[in-house]
């Protein structure tokens, strides 16, 4: 297994399994002299952690982060930042009946085909619990971006058929954390929560969409050929567990419009060149143009359902099985901070490719 590192200059290397001793990682390329707000980092982890509401898994984990290196007297030193988050509440016995079975739509079969061995306890390395490391890396990236005036805000914009309007400017995104679904529309949030609760009661799951908005990103990040900024963001988002689709700007909705309707016309205001609209989503020719960057990520229904299902064992024999344990009926609420984390690390990485922060 060789692909455990994300990024070019700002990099995150992760380690750990769902039911192992700990999840952890090493951040390299962190600029020196950044105030390291441990409370903020922990808050970001708390947004991702299990057991935070009635519509998430009941697994109780404090997910307390321990920074092991790279910080002195509250500031980053420029050296690698090592960290761990210990697993304290794993019920491995709940997965014993899955030792020789391949769960539908999971990585069980493909993982074993590739490596010849797999950890059946909670998915092992392919578990969404590994995203803890991404949230730590994203929190550190956010601390740097804050100094640069760049913000990253994601929210749940759709659960099943219940959807917000596509235009993020219609909503007060500061209201996103005011409900368990992380939706800035209070009424829609109630509908979404009711649907997720229904899925949980039925032993089923539901998918949806997360929208992310990046403000304050300067023009000039990204490359016109193989280093396109939107391609990097897409790659980062599609690396998240259960992510099935990515679109930025108008995305697929724009295919029905004419070029005369989609083109972002330039204008000069106060001596500054800007655009009248932002159908491009803040990126043109693979390079940021200084406008808001916005994109959407589609997530499938969680593959682990509590209903009996048909599958096969390692010998190919058909069997019926039923999952035990504690699982999310919808990944969206806990995926919001993960989307933000991946976006923050991508933007900081591409900022560092263009600028020397510590120059």
Protein backbone atom coordinates (compact mmCIF):
# COMPACT_ATOMS: atom_id res chain seq x y z
CA UNK A 1 0.00 0.00 0.00
CA UNK A 2 1.78 3.12 -1.20
CA UNK A 3 -0.75 5.94 -1.54
CA UNK A 4 -1.02 7.20 2.01
CA UNK A 5 0.15 10.77 1.39
CA UNK A 6 -1.93 13.72 0.16
CA UNK A 7 -0.56 16.97 -1.26
CA UNK A 8 2.53 18.43 -2.93
CA UNK A 9 4.16 20.90 -0.52
CA UNK A 10 1.60 20.81 2.28
CA UNK A 11 1.31 17.07 2.78
CA UNK A 12 -0.62 14.73 5.04
CA UNK A 13 0.51 11.13 5.54
CA UNK A 14 -2.02 9.03 7.46
CA UNK A 15 -1.90 5.75 9.36
CA UNK A 16 -4.23 3.56 11.40
CA UNK A 17 -7.28 1.32 11.12
CA UNK A 18 -10.84 1.61 12.38
CA UNK A 19 -10.31 -0.90 15.20
CA UNK A 20 -6.58 -0.43 15.71
CA UNK A 21 -4.88 1.32 18.61
CA UNK A 22 -5.03 4.78 17.07
CA UNK A 23 -5.55 6.89 13.98
CA UNK A 24 -2.78 9.34 13.19
CA UNK A 25 -0.69 11.20 10.72
CA UNK A 26 2.20 13.48 9.91
CA UNK A 27 1.77 16.96 8.44
CA UNK A 28 4.77 18.25 6.51
CA UNK A 29 5.13 21.65 4.87
CA UNK A 30 3.30 23.52 7.64
CA UNK A 31 4.59 27.12 7.55
CA UNK A 32 6.52 28.21 10.64
CA UNK A 33 5.21 30.76 13.10
CA UNK A 34 1.52 29.89 12.85
CA UNK A 35 -0.43 30.10 16.11
CA UNK A 36 -1.57 26.52 16.82
CA UNK A 37 -5.00 26.70 18.40
CA UNK A 38 -5.42 23.22 19.87
CA UNK A 39 -8.97 24.02 20.99
CA UNK A 40 -9.92 24.87 17.39
CA UNK A 41 -8.37 21.64 16.11
CA UNK A 42 -10.34 19.67 18.69
CA UNK A 43 -13.55 21.50 17.73
CA UNK A 44 -13.05 20.45 14.12
CA UNK A 45 -12.66 16.84 15.24
CA UNK A 46 -15.76 17.14 17.40
CA UNK A 47 -17.75 18.10 14.29
CA UNK A 48 -16.70 14.79 12.68
CA UNK A 49 -16.80 12.50 15.71
CA UNK A 50 -19.44 9.78 16.15
CA UNK A 51 -22.25 9.92 18.69
CA UNK A 52 -22.81 13.67 18.37
CA UNK A 53 -26.56 13.43 17.66
CA UNK A 54 -29.46 11.00 17.33
CA UNK A 55 -28.96 10.79 13.54
CA UNK A 56 -25.35 9.58 13.68
CA UNK A 57 -23.77 6.33 14.81
CA UNK A 58 -23.97 5.70 18.55
CA UNK A 59 -20.27 4.78 18.78
CA UNK A 60 -18.86 6.99 21.55
CA UNK A 61 -15.34 8.26 20.92
CA UNK A 62 -13.79 11.37 22.45
CA UNK A 63 -11.48 11.63 19.40
CA UNK A 64 -9.01 13.64 21.48
CA UNK A 65 -6.03 14.71 19.39
CA UNK A 66 -2.47 14.57 20.71
CA UNK A 67 0.15 16.67 18.91
CA UNK A 68 3.54 14.93 19.13
CA UNK A 69 5.92 17.29 17.32
CA UNK A 70 6.34 20.42 15.24
CA UNK A 71 4.88 22.84 17.79
CA UNK A 72 6.84 24.93 20.32
CA UNK A 73 5.34 27.44 22.74
CA UNK A 74 2.07 27.42 20.82
CA UNK A 75 3.51 28.05 17.35
CA UNK A 76 4.41 25.83 14.42
CA UNK A 77 8.16 25.40 13.97
CA UNK A 78 8.10 24.44 10.30
CA UNK A 79 9.01 20.85 11.22
CA UNK A 80 6.69 17.89 10.64
CA UNK A 81 3.66 17.84 12.96
CA UNK A 82 2.95 14.32 14.16
CA UNK A 83 -0.35 13.50 15.84
CA UNK A 84 -2.49 10.61 17.04
CA UNK A 85 -6.11 10.09 18.06
CA UNK A 86 -6.57 6.93 20.09
CA UNK A 87 -9.43 4.48 19.47
CA UNK A 88 -11.17 3.75 22.77
CA UNK A 89 -14.63 2.35 21.98
CA UNK A 90 -14.32 -0.22 19.21
CA UNK A 91 -16.56 -3.31 19.42
CA UNK A 92 -14.64 -5.69 17.18
CA UNK A 93 -16.86 -8.64 18.11
CA UNK A 94 -19.73 -7.00 16.21
CA UNK A 95 -17.87 -7.76 12.98
CA UNK A 96 -16.88 -11.37 13.58
CA UNK A 97 -19.68 -12.65 11.30
CA UNK A 98 -18.12 -10.65 8.45
CA UNK A 99 -14.70 -12.29 8.61
CA UNK A 100 -15.34 -14.47 5.57
CA UNK A 101 -18.09 -12.46 3.84
CA UNK A 102 -18.04 -9.70 1.26
CA UNK A 103 -20.44 -6.89 2.14
CA UNK A 104 -22.32 -5.38 -0.83
CA UNK A 105 -20.87 -2.06 -2.10
CA UNK A 106 -18.00 -2.10 0.41
CA UNK A 107 -14.26 -2.38 -0.18
CA UNK A 108 -14.16 -5.93 1.23
CA UNK A 109 -13.91 -7.75 -2.10
CA UNK A 110 -11.69 -5.26 -3.93
CA UNK A 111 -9.34 -4.88 -0.94
CA UNK A 112 -8.84 -8.63 -0.65
CA UNK A 113 -8.38 -8.99 -4.41
CA UNK A 114 -5.62 -6.37 -4.33
CA UNK A 115 -3.77 -7.25 -1.12
CA UNK A 116 -4.80 -10.83 -0.39
CA UNK A 117 -5.65 -9.91 3.19
CA UNK A 118 -8.03 -7.51 4.92
CA UNK A 119 -9.07 -6.32 8.35
CA UNK A 120 -12.77 -7.20 8.57
CA UNK A 121 -13.29 -5.15 11.77
CA UNK A 122 -15.18 -2.05 10.73
CA UNK A 123 -13.51 -1.93 7.34
CA UNK A 124 -9.98 -1.57 8.69
CA UNK A 125 -7.96 0.88 6.61
CA UNK A 126 -10.88 1.55 4.25
CA UNK A 127 -13.11 2.75 7.10
CA UNK A 128 -14.38 6.33 7.16
CA UNK A 129 -12.84 6.56 10.64
CA UNK A 130 -9.51 7.18 8.90
CA UNK A 131 -10.84 10.62 7.93
CA UNK A 132 -9.97 11.76 11.45
CA UNK A 133 -6.46 12.46 10.15
CA UNK A 134 -7.88 14.56 7.33
CA UNK A 135 -9.79 16.71 9.81
CA UNK A 136 -6.62 17.36 11.81
CA UNK A 137 -4.74 18.28 8.65
CA UNK A 138 -7.62 20.45 7.50
CA UNK A 139 -7.78 22.26 10.83
CA UNK A 140 -4.08 23.09 10.62
CA UNK A 141 -4.54 24.27 7.03
CA UNK A 142 -7.45 26.46 8.12
CA UNK A 143 -5.23 28.15 10.73
CA UNK A 144 -2.87 29.18 7.92
CA UNK A 145 -5.65 30.19 5.54
CA UNK A 146 -7.20 32.38 8.24
CA UNK A 147 -4.02 34.50 8.23
CA UNK A 148 -4.38 34.79 4.45
CA UNK A 149 -8.03 35.89 4.66
CA UNK A 150 -9.31 32.68 3.06
CA UNK A 151 -12.35 30.88 4.49
CA UNK A 152 -13.82 27.45 3.72
CA UNK A 153 -17.48 26.74 4.51
CA UNK A 154 -19.42 23.58 3.63
CA UNK A 155 -23.01 22.64 4.36
CA UNK A 156 -25.57 19.94 3.66
CA UNK A 157 -27.59 21.09 0.65
CA UNK A 158 -29.53 17.91 -0.07
CA UNK A 159 -30.61 14.72 1.68
CA UNK A 160 -32.47 12.28 -0.55
CA UNK A 161 -35.08 14.32 -2.49
CA UNK A 162 -35.02 17.23 0.02
CA UNK A 163 -32.86 19.94 -1.49
CA UNK A 164 -31.95 23.61 -1.05
CA UNK A 165 -31.72 26.05 -3.93
CA UNK A 166 -28.37 25.69 -5.70
CA UNK A 167 -27.34 29.34 -5.15
CA UNK A 168 -25.43 29.44 -1.86
CA UNK A 169 -25.87 33.23 -1.69
CA UNK A 170 -29.53 32.71 -0.78
CA UNK A 171 -28.55 31.34 2.65
CA UNK A 172 -26.88 32.57 5.80
CA UNK A 173 -24.10 30.01 6.04
CA UNK A 174 -23.34 31.07 9.62
CA UNK A 175 -26.47 29.10 10.57
CA UNK A 176 -25.03 25.81 9.32
CA UNK A 177 -23.93 24.52 12.74
CA UNK A 178 -27.29 25.30 14.39
CA UNK A 179 -28.78 21.86 13.64
CA UNK A 180 -27.67 18.24 13.55
CA UNK A 181 -27.86 18.01 9.75
CA UNK A 182 -25.57 21.03 9.20
CA UNK A 183 -28.01 22.74 6.85
CA UNK A 184 -28.31 26.57 6.84
CA UNK A 185 -32.07 26.44 6.18
CA UNK A 186 -33.80 25.61 9.49
CA UNK A 187 -37.04 24.36 7.93
CA UNK A 188 -35.32 22.16 5.35
CA UNK A 189 -33.04 20.89 8.11
CA UNK A 190 -36.08 19.61 10.03
CA UNK A 191 -37.31 17.75 6.96
CA UNK A 192 -33.86 16.28 6.35
CA UNK A 193 -33.51 15.17 9.96
CA UNK A 194 -36.93 13.53 9.87
CA UNK A 195 -35.98 11.59 6.73
CA UNK A 196 -32.66 10.45 8.24
CA UNK A 197 -34.47 9.39 11.42
CA UNK A 198 -36.92 7.39 9.33
CA UNK A 199 -34.05 5.65 7.53
CA UNK A 200 -32.45 4.80 10.87
CA UNK A 201 -35.69 3.30 12.18
CA UNK A 202 -36.07 1.22 9.02
CA UNK A 203 -32.48 -0.01 9.18
CA UNK A 204 -31.75 1.71 5.89
CA UNK A 205 -29.62 4.64 4.70
CA UNK A 206 -29.89 7.72 2.48
CA UNK A 207 -27.45 9.87 0.47
CA UNK A 208 -27.27 13.51 -0.49
CA UNK A 209 -25.12 16.48 -1.49
CA UNK A 210 -22.69 18.78 0.32
CA UNK A 211 -21.98 22.25 -1.08
CA UNK A 212 -18.70 24.03 -0.27
CA UNK A 213 -17.81 27.71 -0.68
CA UNK A 214 -14.27 29.11 -0.55
CA UNK A 215 -14.03 32.88 -0.10
CA UNK A 216 -10.97 35.12 -0.29
CA UNK A 217 -8.93 32.82 -2.51
CA UNK A 218 -6.52 34.96 -4.56
CA UNK A 219 -6.28 34.75 -8.33
CA UNK A 220 -3.50 32.66 -9.80
CA UNK A 221 -3.69 29.32 -7.97
CA UNK A 222 -3.52 26.27 -10.20
CA UNK A 223 -2.00 25.33 -13.55
CA UNK A 224 -3.54 25.32 -17.04
CA UNK A 225 -2.67 21.72 -17.93
CA UNK A 226 -2.34 18.83 -15.45
CA UNK A 227 -2.33 20.93 -12.29
CA UNK A 228 -5.78 22.45 -12.68
CA UNK A 229 -7.15 23.71 -9.37
CA UNK A 230 -10.62 22.28 -9.95
CA UNK A 231 -9.09 18.91 -10.84
CA UNK A 232 -7.16 18.94 -7.56
CA UNK A 233 -10.32 19.81 -5.62
CA UNK A 234 -12.23 17.08 -7.45
CA UNK A 235 -9.54 14.52 -6.70
CA UNK A 236 -9.54 15.53 -3.02
CA UNK A 237 -13.32 15.27 -2.74
CA UNK A 238 -13.60 11.96 -4.55
CA UNK A 239 -11.04 10.48 -2.17
CA UNK A 240 -13.57 10.85 0.66
CA UNK A 241 -15.46 7.68 1.62
CA UNK A 242 -18.87 7.39 -0.09
CA UNK A 243 -18.27 10.36 -2.43
CA UNK A 244 -19.70 9.59 -5.88
CA UNK A 245 -19.66 12.86 -7.80
CA UNK A 246 -18.08 16.33 -8.01
CA UNK A 247 -19.09 19.47 -9.88
CA UNK A 248 -17.90 23.06 -9.59
CA UNK A 249 -19.50 26.29 -10.72
CA UNK A 250 -22.72 25.65 -12.60
CA UNK A 251 -21.59 22.07 -13.16
CA UNK A 252 -24.06 19.75 -14.87
CA UNK A 253 -26.83 22.35 -14.62
CA UNK A 254 -24.92 24.53 -17.07
CA UNK A 255 -25.11 22.09 -19.98
CA UNK A 256 -28.59 23.27 -20.95
CA UNK A 257 -27.57 26.93 -21.17
CA UNK A 258 -26.04 28.78 -24.12
CA UNK A 259 -22.54 30.23 -24.10
CA UNK A 260 -24.04 33.69 -24.17
CA UNK A 261 -25.80 32.84 -20.89
CA UNK A 262 -22.88 31.08 -19.21
CA UNK A 263 -19.98 33.39 -20.07
CA UNK A 264 -18.70 35.49 -17.15
CA UNK A 265 -18.36 38.96 -18.69
CA UNK A 266 -15.48 41.12 -17.46
CA UNK A 267 -15.92 44.60 -16.08
CA UNK A 268 -13.84 47.23 -14.27
CA UNK A 269 -14.99 48.55 -10.89
CA UNK A 270 -12.86 51.05 -8.96
CA UNK A 271 -9.92 50.33 -11.18
CA UNK A 272 -10.14 46.59 -10.53
CA UNK A 273 -10.98 44.02 -13.20
CA UNK A 274 -13.74 41.66 -12.07
CA UNK A 275 -16.64 39.70 -13.57
CA UNK A 276 -20.37 40.36 -13.59
CA UNK A 277 -21.32 36.75 -12.85
CA UNK A 278 -19.55 33.68 -11.48
CA UNK A 279 -20.90 30.73 -13.44
CA UNK A 280 -17.30 29.44 -13.62
CA UNK A 281 -17.20 28.85 -9.88
CA UNK A 282 -14.11 30.97 -9.26
CA UNK A 283 -11.85 28.93 -11.55
CA UNK A 284 -11.14 29.55 -15.24
CA UNK A 285 -8.64 27.64 -17.33
CA UNK A 286 -7.73 25.61 -14.25
CA UNK A 287 -6.61 28.76 -12.37
CA UNK A 288 -8.44 30.63 -9.61
CA UNK A 289 -9.74 34.06 -10.71
CA UNK A 290 -10.24 35.67 -7.30
CA UNK A 291 -13.99 35.07 -7.11
CA UNK A 292 -15.78 32.70 -4.72
CA UNK A 293 -14.97 29.07 -5.47
CA UNK A 294 -18.00 26.86 -5.03
CA UNK A 295 -18.59 23.19 -5.69
CA UNK A 296 -20.89 20.29 -4.83
CA UNK A 297 -20.07 16.74 -3.76
CA UNK A 298 -22.56 13.88 -4.08
CA UNK A 299 -22.51 11.13 -1.44
CA UNK A 300 -24.14 7.73 -1.88
CA UNK A 301 -26.31 6.11 0.79
CA UNK A 302 -24.07 4.46 3.38
CA UNK A 303 -23.40 0.90 2.20
CA UNK A 304 -23.84 -0.60 5.67
CA UNK A 305 -27.54 -1.20 6.25
CA UNK A 306 -29.13 -3.13 9.12
CA UNK A 307 -31.43 -5.15 6.88
CA UNK A 308 -30.69 -8.75 5.93
CA UNK A 309 -28.87 -8.99 2.59
CA UNK A 310 -27.69 -11.66 0.22
CA UNK A 311 -23.97 -11.97 -0.49
CA UNK A 312 -21.23 -14.55 -0.99
CA UNK A 313 -18.36 -15.79 1.17
CA UNK A 314 -14.71 -16.15 0.15
CA UNK A 315 -15.48 -19.49 -1.50
CA UNK A 316 -18.27 -17.96 -3.56
CA UNK A 317 -21.08 -19.62 -1.63
CA UNK A 318 -24.31 -17.63 -1.44
CA UNK A 319 -25.39 -16.68 2.05
CA UNK A 320 -27.66 -14.30 3.93
CA UNK A 321 -26.15 -11.99 6.51
CA UNK A 322 -27.22 -9.09 8.71
CA UNK A 323 -24.85 -6.41 9.94
CA UNK A 324 -24.47 -5.77 13.65
CA UNK A 325 -22.91 -2.77 15.33
CA UNK A 326 -23.34 1.01 15.23
CA UNK A 327 -23.61 2.79 11.90
CA UNK A 328 -24.62 6.10 10.34
CA UNK A 329 -27.95 6.19 8.47
CA UNK A 330 -26.60 9.16 6.47
CA UNK A 331 -22.99 10.26 6.01
CA UNK A 332 -23.78 13.92 5.23
CA UNK A 333 -23.74 15.56 8.69
CA UNK A 334 -20.34 14.14 9.61
CA UNK A 335 -18.92 14.55 6.08
CA UNK A 336 -19.32 18.36 6.09
CA UNK A 337 -16.12 18.96 8.13
CA UNK A 338 -14.27 16.38 6.02
CA UNK A 339 -15.17 18.24 2.81
CA UNK A 340 -13.95 21.46 4.41
CA UNK A 341 -10.73 19.79 5.53
CA UNK A 342 -9.89 18.43 2.08
CA UNK A 343 -10.71 21.78 0.47
CA UNK A 344 -8.56 23.69 3.00
CA UNK A 345 -5.55 21.41 2.48
CA UNK A 346 -5.89 21.64 -1.31
CA UNK A 347 -6.10 25.44 -1.34
CA UNK A 348 -3.16 25.84 1.06
CA UNK A 349 -1.09 23.35 -0.94
CA UNK A 350 -1.72 25.26 -4.17
CA UNK A 351 -1.08 28.57 -2.42
CA UNK A 352 2.32 27.30 -1.31
CA UNK A 353 3.08 26.10 -4.84
CA UNK A 354 2.65 29.70 -5.97
CA UNK A 355 3.98 31.58 -2.93
CA UNK A 356 6.70 31.13 -0.30
CA UNK A 357 4.74 31.74 2.90
CA UNK A 358 7.84 32.13 5.07
CA UNK A 359 9.82 34.25 2.61
